[in-house]
C-alpha atoms as a PDB file:
ATOM      1  CA  MET A   1      -0.062  -0.113   0.065  1.00  0.00           C
ATOM      2  CA  THR A   2       1.289   3.505  -0.954  1.00  0.00           C
ATOM      3  CA  GLY A   3       0.385   6.967  -0.648  1.00  0.00           C
ATOM      4  CA  SER A   4       1.465  10.529  -1.099  1.00  0.00           C
ATOM      5  CA  SER A   5       3.993  11.361   1.907  1.00  0.00           C
ATOM      6  CA  SER A   6       7.085  12.894   2.631  1.00  0.00           C
ATOM      7  CA  PHE A   7       8.241   9.778   4.547  1.00  0.00           C
ATOM      8  CA  LYS A   8      10.612   7.351   2.793  1.00  0.00           C
ATOM      9  CA  THR A   9       8.684   4.152   2.108  1.00  0.00           C
ATOM     10  CA  ALA A  10       9.423   1.271   4.660  1.00  0.00           C
ATOM     11  CA  HIS A  11       9.776  -2.165   2.927  1.00  0.00           C
ATOM     12  CA  TRP A  12       7.240  -4.640   4.380  1.00  0.00           C
ATOM     13  CA  SER A  13       7.155  -8.393   3.829  1.00  0.00           C
ATOM     14  CA  ILE A  14       4.672 -10.891   4.998  1.00  0.00           C
ATOM     15  CA  GLY A  15       5.741 -14.545   5.700  1.00  0.00           C
ATOM     16  CA  VAL A  16       4.304 -17.355   7.634  1.00  0.00           C
ATOM     17  CA  PRO A  17       3.130 -17.777  10.345  1.00  0.00           C
ATOM     18  CA  GLY A  18       2.841 -13.908  10.977  1.00  0.00           C
ATOM     19  CA  PRO A  19       4.068 -10.532   9.622  1.00  0.00           C
ATOM     20  CA  LYS A  20       7.573  -9.344   9.715  1.00  0.00           C
ATOM     21  CA  LEU A  21       8.329  -5.813   9.464  1.00  0.00           C
ATOM     22  CA  PRO A  22      11.947  -5.103   8.561  1.00  0.00           C
ATOM     23  CA  PHE A  23      12.389  -1.388   8.514  1.00  0.00           C
ATOM     24  CA  THR A  24      15.165   0.319   6.337  1.00  0.00           C
ATOM     25  CA  PRO A  25      17.749   1.780   8.698  1.00  0.00           C
ATOM     26  CA  GLU A  26      17.253   5.313   7.233  1.00  0.00           C
ATOM     27  CA  PRO A  27      17.522   8.544   9.315  1.00  0.00           C
ATOM     28  CA  LEU A  28      14.138   9.659  10.872  1.00  0.00           C
ATOM     29  CA  PRO A  29      12.609  12.465   9.363  1.00  0.00           C
ATOM     30  CA  ARG A  30      12.391  15.828  10.972  1.00  0.00           C
ATOM     31  CA  LEU A  31       8.881  17.487  11.284  1.00  0.00           C
ATOM     32  CA  SER A  32       7.886  21.123  11.878  1.00  0.00           C
ATOM     33  CA  PHE A  33       5.079  21.552  14.320  1.00  0.00           C
ATOM     34  CA  VAL A  34       3.068  24.774  14.862  1.00  0.00           C
ATOM     35  CA  GLU A  35       0.534  25.323  17.455  1.00  0.00           C
ATOM     36  CA  ALA A  36      -1.699  28.302  17.830  1.00  0.00           C
ATOM     37  CA  ASP A  37       0.122  30.435  20.532  1.00  0.00           C
ATOM     38  CA  MET A  38       3.590  28.537  20.181  1.00  0.00           C
ATOM     39  CA  PRO A  39       6.669  29.502  18.224  1.00  0.00           C
ATOM     40  CA  LYS A  40       7.555  27.115  15.517  1.00  0.00           C
ATOM     41  CA  GLN A  41       9.454  24.171  16.789  1.00  0.00           C
ATOM     42  CA  ASP A  42      11.310  21.280  15.348  1.00  0.00           C
ATOM     43  CA  PHE A  43      10.331  17.815  16.746  1.00  0.00           C
ATOM     44  CA  MET A  44      12.249  14.616  16.159  1.00  0.00           C
ATOM     45  CA  LEU A  45      10.001  11.403  15.726  1.00  0.00           C
ATOM     46  CA  PRO A  46      10.335   8.854  18.449  1.00  0.00           C
ATOM     47  CA  CYS A  47      13.214   6.263  17.860  1.00  0.00           C
ATOM     48  CA  ASN A  48      11.937   2.903  16.737  1.00  0.00           C
ATOM     49  CA  ALA A  49      13.850   0.126  18.476  1.00  0.00           C
ATOM     50  CA  ARG A  50      14.533  -1.664  15.101  1.00  0.00           C
ATOM     51  CA  VAL A  51      16.175   1.317  13.836  1.00  0.00           C
ATOM     52  CA  CYS A  52      17.995   2.990  16.441  1.00  0.00           C
ATOM     53  CA  THR A  53      20.300   0.105  17.730  1.00  0.00           C
ATOM     54  CA  ASN A  54      23.511   1.997  17.914  1.00  0.00           C
ATOM     55  CA  ILE A  55      22.943   4.946  20.015  1.00  0.00           C
ATOM     56  CA  PRO A  56      25.813   5.642  22.208  1.00  0.00           C
ATOM     57  CA  MET A  57      24.894   5.590  25.947  1.00  0.00           C
ATOM     58  CA  ASP A  58      27.221   7.536  28.366  1.00  0.00           C
ATOM     59  CA  LYS A  59      26.953   5.821  31.803  1.00  0.00           C
ATOM     60  CA  ASP A  60      28.889   8.533  33.466  1.00  0.00           C
ATOM     61  CA  GLN A  61      26.346  11.078  32.275  1.00  0.00           C
ATOM     62  CA  ILE A  62      23.432   8.730  33.524  1.00  0.00           C
ATOM     63  CA  LEU A  63      25.087   8.477  36.871  1.00  0.00           C
ATOM     64  CA  LYS A  64      25.389  12.288  37.071  1.00  0.00           C
ATOM     65  CA  ARG A  65      21.479  12.541  36.439  1.00  0.00           C
ATOM     66  CA  VAL A  66      20.917   9.961  39.196  1.00  0.00           C
ATOM     67  CA  LEU A  67      23.247  12.008  41.432  1.00  0.00           C
ATOM     68  CA  ALA A  68      21.327  15.090  40.594  1.00  0.00           C
ATOM     69  CA  MET A  69      18.103  13.658  41.721  1.00  0.00           C
ATOM     70  CA  PHE A  70      19.361  12.865  45.267  1.00  0.00           C
ATOM     71  CA  ASP A  71      21.602  15.970  45.567  1.00  0.00           C
ATOM     72  CA  VAL A  72      18.957  18.534  46.478  1.00  0.00           C
ATOM     73  CA  PRO A  73      17.845  19.980  49.724  1.00  0.00           C
ATOM     74  CA  VAL A  74      14.420  18.656  49.668  1.00  0.00           C
ATOM     75  CA  LEU A  75      14.091  15.011  48.218  1.00  0.00           C
ATOM     76  CA  GLN A  76      11.359  13.353  46.493  1.00  0.00           C
ATOM     77  CA  ASN A  77       9.365  10.999  48.672  1.00  0.00           C
ATOM     78  CA  ASN A  78      10.310   7.967  46.634  1.00  0.00           C
ATOM     79  CA  LEU A  79      13.984   8.829  46.814  1.00  0.00           C
ATOM     80  CA  ARG A  80      14.098  10.080  50.427  1.00  0.00           C
ATOM     81  CA  GLY A  81      13.496   6.658  51.958  1.00  0.00           C
ATOM     82  CA  LEU A  82      16.436   5.228  50.236  1.00  0.00           C
ATOM     83  CA  TRP A  83      18.638   8.041  51.051  1.00  0.00           C
ATOM     84  CA  VAL A  84      17.815   7.818  54.783  1.00  0.00           C
ATOM     85  CA  GLU A  85      18.349   3.897  54.770  1.00  0.00           C
ATOM     86  CA  LEU A  86      21.735   4.341  53.304  1.00  0.00           C
ATOM     87  CA  MET A  87      22.474   7.263  55.534  1.00  0.00           C
ATOM     88  CA  VAL A  88      21.537   5.314  58.692  1.00  0.00           C
ATOM     89  CA  ALA A  89      23.704   2.386  57.396  1.00  0.00           C
ATOM     90  CA  GLU A  90      26.691   4.642  57.179  1.00  0.00           C
ATOM     91  CA  ILE A  91      26.237   6.014  60.651  1.00  0.00           C
ATOM     92  CA  LEU A  92      25.792   2.581  62.073  1.00  0.00           C
ATOM     93  CA  GLY A  93      29.220   1.608  60.558  1.00  0.00           C
ATOM     94  CA  PRO A  94      30.870  -1.123  58.429  1.00  0.00           C
ATOM     95  CA  ASP A  95      29.161  -4.186  60.267  1.00  0.00           C
ATOM     96  CA  TRP A  96      25.893  -3.071  58.704  1.00  0.00           C
ATOM     97  CA  LYS A  97      24.494  -3.558  55.180  1.00  0.00           C
ATOM     98  CA  GLN A  98      21.455  -2.306  53.467  1.00  0.00           C
ATOM     99  CA  VAL A  99      19.266  -5.226  52.605  1.00  0.00           C
ATOM    100  CA  GLY A 100      16.017  -3.639  51.873  1.00  0.00           C
ATOM    101  CA  ASN A 101      14.330  -4.285  48.550  1.00  0.00           C
ATOM    102  CA  ASP A 102      10.780  -4.339  47.158  1.00  0.00           C
ATOM    103  CA  TRP A 103       9.931  -7.622  49.135  1.00  0.00           C
ATOM    104  CA  ALA A 104      12.180  -7.176  52.330  1.00  0.00           C
ATOM    105  CA  ALA A 105      10.636  -7.196  55.848  1.00  0.00           C
ATOM    106  CA  TRP A 106      13.573  -5.153  57.172  1.00  0.00           C
ATOM    107  CA  ASP A 107      16.143  -2.606  55.865  1.00  0.00           C
ATOM    108  CA  LEU A 108      19.385  -3.111  57.534  1.00  0.00           C
ATOM    109  CA  GLU A 109      21.152  -6.046  58.977  1.00  0.00           C
ATOM    110  CA  ARG A 110      24.283  -6.253  61.007  1.00  0.00           C
ATOM    111  CA  SER A 111      26.933  -9.017  60.571  1.00  0.00           C
ATOM    112  CA  ASP A 112      25.433 -11.043  63.470  1.00  0.00           C
ATOM    113  CA  GLY A 113      22.015 -10.936  62.171  1.00  0.00           C
ATOM    114  CA  LEU A 114      20.395  -8.105  64.042  1.00  0.00           C
ATOM    115  CA  ARG A 115      17.474  -6.692  61.996  1.00  0.00           C
ATOM    116  CA  VAL A 116      16.668  -2.984  61.808  1.00  0.00           C
ATOM    117  CA  GLU A 117      13.691  -1.282  59.932  1.00  0.00           C
ATOM    118  CA  VAL A 118      14.175   2.242  59.058  1.00  0.00           C
ATOM    119  CA  LYS A 119      11.060   4.565  58.942  1.00  0.00           C
ATOM    120  CA  GLN A 120      11.423   8.331  57.920  1.00  0.00           C
ATOM    121  CA  SER A 121       9.514  11.488  57.259  1.00  0.00           C
ATOM    122  CA  ALA A 122      10.083  15.169  56.791  1.00  0.00           C
ATOM    123  CA  SER A 123       8.131  18.404  57.240  1.00  0.00           C
ATOM    124  CA  ALA A 124       9.370  19.732  53.906  1.00  0.00           C
ATOM    125  CA  GLN A 125       8.055  18.053  50.889  1.00  0.00           C
ATOM    126  CA  SER A 126       9.045  18.437  47.187  1.00  0.00           C
ATOM    127  CA  TRP A 127       5.490  20.143  46.602  1.00  0.00           C
ATOM    128  CA  GLY A 128       5.750  22.272  49.802  1.00  0.00           C
ATOM    129  CA  ASN A 129       5.612  22.047  53.656  1.00  0.00           C
ATOM    130  CA  SER A 130       3.413  19.540  55.182  1.00  0.00           C
ATOM    131  CA  THR A 131       0.790  20.849  57.445  1.00  0.00           C
ATOM    132  CA  THR A 132      -0.241  17.477  59.017  1.00  0.00           C
ATOM    133  CA  SER A 133       1.514  15.375  61.689  1.00  0.00           C
ATOM    134  CA  PRO A 134       3.649  12.532  60.206  1.00  0.00           C
ATOM    135  CA  ARG A 135       2.483   9.018  60.569  1.00  0.00           C
ATOM    136  CA  PHE A 136       5.018   5.856  60.251  1.00  0.00           C
ATOM    137  CA  SER A 137       3.825   2.490  58.762  1.00  0.00           C
ATOM    138  CA  ILE A 138       4.677  -0.182  61.478  1.00  0.00           C
ATOM    139  CA  ALA A 139       2.348  -2.983  59.941  1.00  0.00           C
ATOM    140  CA  ALA A 140       3.854  -6.510  60.303  1.00  0.00           C
ATOM    141  CA  ALA A 141       4.700  -8.100  57.006  1.00  0.00           C
ATOM    142  CA  LYS A 142       2.386 -10.904  56.051  1.00  0.00           C
ATOM    143  CA  ALA A 143       5.337 -12.456  54.322  1.00  0.00           C
ATOM    144  CA  TYR A 144       8.731 -11.966  53.038  1.00  0.00           C
ATOM    145  CA  TYR A 145      11.336 -13.280  50.673  1.00  0.00           C
ATOM    146  CA  PRO A 146      14.586 -14.071  52.557  1.00  0.00           C
ATOM    147  CA  ASP A 147      16.463 -14.909  49.370  1.00  0.00           C
ATOM    148  CA  GLY A 148      14.668 -12.435  47.157  1.00  0.00           C
ATOM    149  CA  LYS A 149      12.498 -15.062  45.483  1.00  0.00           C
ATOM    150  CA  THR A 150      11.270 -17.745  48.119  1.00  0.00           C
ATOM    151  CA  TYR A 151       7.877 -16.658  49.361  1.00  0.00           C
ATOM    152  CA  THR A 152       7.943 -17.088  53.179  1.00  0.00           C
ATOM    153  CA  PRO A 153       4.715 -16.534  55.202  1.00  0.00           C
ATOM    154  CA  ASN A 154       4.858 -14.615  58.492  1.00  0.00           C
ATOM    155  CA  HIS A 155       2.865 -17.105  60.622  1.00  0.00           C
ATOM    156  CA  SER A 156       3.819 -15.387  63.876  1.00  0.00           C
ATOM    157  CA  GLY A 157       2.112 -12.230  62.865  1.00  0.00           C
ATOM    158  CA  ARG A 158       4.986 -10.438  64.626  1.00  0.00           C
ATOM    159  CA  ARG A 159       7.088  -7.599  63.292  1.00  0.00           C
ATOM    160  CA  LEU A 160      10.245  -9.402  61.784  1.00  0.00           C
ATOM    161  CA  ALA A 161      12.640  -6.628  62.489  1.00  0.00           C
ATOM    162  CA  ASP A 162      14.243  -6.435  65.839  1.00  0.00           C
ATOM    163  CA  LEU A 163      14.540  -2.656  66.174  1.00  0.00           C
ATOM    164  CA  TYR A 164      12.873   0.271  64.554  1.00  0.00           C
ATOM    165  CA  ILE A 165      14.660   3.571  63.763  1.00  0.00           C
ATOM    166  CA  PHE A 166      12.267   6.430  63.116  1.00  0.00           C
ATOM    167  CA  ALA A 167      13.911   9.393  61.345  1.00  0.00           C
ATOM    168  CA  TRP A 168      12.390  12.884  61.383  1.00  0.00           C
ATOM    169  CA  HIS A 169      13.582  16.084  59.583  1.00  0.00           C
ATOM    170  CA  GLU A 170      12.393  19.528  60.287  1.00  0.00           C
ATOM    171  CA  GLY A 171      15.385  21.467  58.948  1.00  0.00           C
ATOM    172  CA  GLY A 172      16.270  23.203  55.540  1.00  0.00           C
ATOM    173  CA  ASP A 173      18.430  20.478  53.876  1.00  0.00           C
ATOM    174  CA  GLN A 174      17.768  16.751  54.065  1.00  0.00           C
ATOM    175  CA  ARG A 175      21.191  16.001  52.897  1.00  0.00           C
ATOM    176  CA  ILE A 176      22.707  17.222  56.101  1.00  0.00           C
ATOM    177  CA  VAL A 177      22.897  14.423  58.531  1.00  0.00           C
ATOM    178  CA  SER A 178      22.925  16.601  61.699  1.00  0.00           C
ATOM    179  CA  GLU A 179      19.511  17.986  60.991  1.00  0.00           C
ATOM    180  CA  TRP A 180      17.748  14.482  61.244  1.00  0.00           C
ATOM    181  CA  ARG A 181      16.422  13.452  64.473  1.00  0.00           C
ATOM    182  CA  PHE A 182      16.149   9.767  65.478  1.00  0.00           C
ATOM    183  CA  PHE A 183      14.108   7.616  67.691  1.00  0.00           C
ATOM    184  CA  VAL A 184      15.091   3.895  68.397  1.00  0.00           C
ATOM    185  CA  ILE A 185      12.503   1.530  69.584  1.00  0.00           C
ATOM    186  CA  PRO A 186      12.546  -2.236  69.959  1.00  0.00           C
ATOM    187  CA  ALA A 187       9.840  -3.754  67.743  1.00  0.00           C
ATOM    188  CA  GLU A 188       8.164  -5.517  70.619  1.00  0.00           C
ATOM    189  CA  GLN A 189       7.453  -2.172  72.338  1.00  0.00           C
ATOM    190  CA  LEU A 190       5.453  -0.834  69.420  1.00  0.00           C
ATOM    191  CA  PRO A 191       1.567  -1.383  69.758  1.00  0.00           C
ATOM    192  CA  ARG A 192       1.037  -4.934  68.594  1.00  0.00           C
ATOM    193  CA  GLN A 193      -2.034  -4.482  66.452  1.00  0.00           C
ATOM    194  CA  GLN A 194      -1.407  -0.896  65.070  1.00  0.00           C
ATOM    195  CA  LYS A 195      -0.596  -0.414  61.578  1.00  0.00           C
ATOM    196  CA  SER A 196       0.863   3.156  61.941  1.00  0.00           C
ATOM    197  CA  ILE A 197       2.044   5.362  64.474  1.00  0.00           C
ATOM    198  CA  GLY A 198       2.311   9.131  64.892  1.00  0.00           C
ATOM    199  CA  LEU A 199       5.252  11.231  66.017  1.00  0.00           C
ATOM    200  CA  LYS A 200       3.803  12.198  69.369  1.00  0.00           C
ATOM    201  CA  ALA A 201       3.315   8.601  70.426  1.00  0.00           C
ATOM    202  CA  ILE A 202       6.874   7.853  69.101  1.00  0.00           C
ATOM    203  CA  ARG A 203       8.080  10.627  71.393  1.00  0.00           C
ATOM    204  CA  ASN A 204       6.280   8.877  74.310  1.00  0.00           C
ATOM    205  CA  LEU A 205       8.225   5.706  73.607  1.00  0.00           C
ATOM    206  CA  ALA A 206      11.775   6.893  72.953  1.00  0.00           C
ATOM    207  CA  ALA A 207      13.985   9.974  73.566  1.00  0.00           C
ATOM    208  CA  GLU A 208      14.995  11.953  70.564  1.00  0.00           C
ATOM    209  CA  ILE A 209      18.670  11.656  69.710  1.00  0.00           C
ATOM    210  CA  GLY A 210      21.025  13.026  66.999  1.00  0.00           C
ATOM    211  CA  ALA A 211      23.113  11.181  64.411  1.00  0.00           C
ATOM    212  CA  ALA A 212      26.211  11.311  66.497  1.00  0.00           C
ATOM    213  CA  ASP A 213      24.486   9.191  69.294  1.00  0.00           C
ATOM    214  CA  LEU A 214      22.676   6.766  67.025  1.00  0.00           C
ATOM    215  CA  ARG A 215      25.469   4.238  66.728  1.00  0.00           C
ATOM    216  CA  GLU A 216      25.865   3.847  70.470  1.00  0.00           C
ATOM    217  CA  LYS A 217      22.133   3.746  71.092  1.00  0.00           C
ATOM    218  CA  VAL A 218      21.557   1.039  68.637  1.00  0.00           C
ATOM    219  CA  THR A 219      24.491  -0.826  70.223  1.00  0.00           C
ATOM    220  CA  GLN A 220      23.161  -0.408  73.630  1.00  0.00           C
ATOM    221  CA  MET A 221      19.513  -1.603  72.946  1.00  0.00           C
ATOM    222  CA  ALA A 222      20.788  -4.586  70.971  1.00  0.00           C
ATOM    223  CA  ALA A 223      22.971  -5.850  73.670  1.00  0.00           C
END
């Protein structure tokens, strides 16, 4: 099938059992687009995977883009959680590793097996300052994947971490460790049936500490 168009004709072939569409490796056409109140702009058509197979990808440039997403005073919600987990792991020291993933039931683990769940929130959000009191999820996991792929039900109904570290930020720059406040609470001291807890209730259960005291506090409570 042909028609009048400025596009170069793609070569089509039909075989058995289904159609095959081998496109010619030609440069994509550049189109001009004019909208009522917009200046004239040039738009490049999206790249088809069958044609654009040799686009150079600069890994260093991609990593710079990733870093730029984290290197801001106020982090996006979906990024701040990972930042705080890694920040706490760094504070606690080399015996700790970050083990949280999409299916994990705790976030950090010490070399001797001690498990820590990290929960965080901040007054400054990427869309503006929050006007409500924060709540932190403390629901017990119904199941988890200890090796990343084996479904393991949590028949006990208990929280699977040993300690919970709640991190709260009210300062101006979430990248600055000293601006974060921490609360360390054994999992068994959290309300058994509750799925979330507010900052006021957390303050009733634990004293607020800074980053400089976090490692010692965790060590004492795990002894």
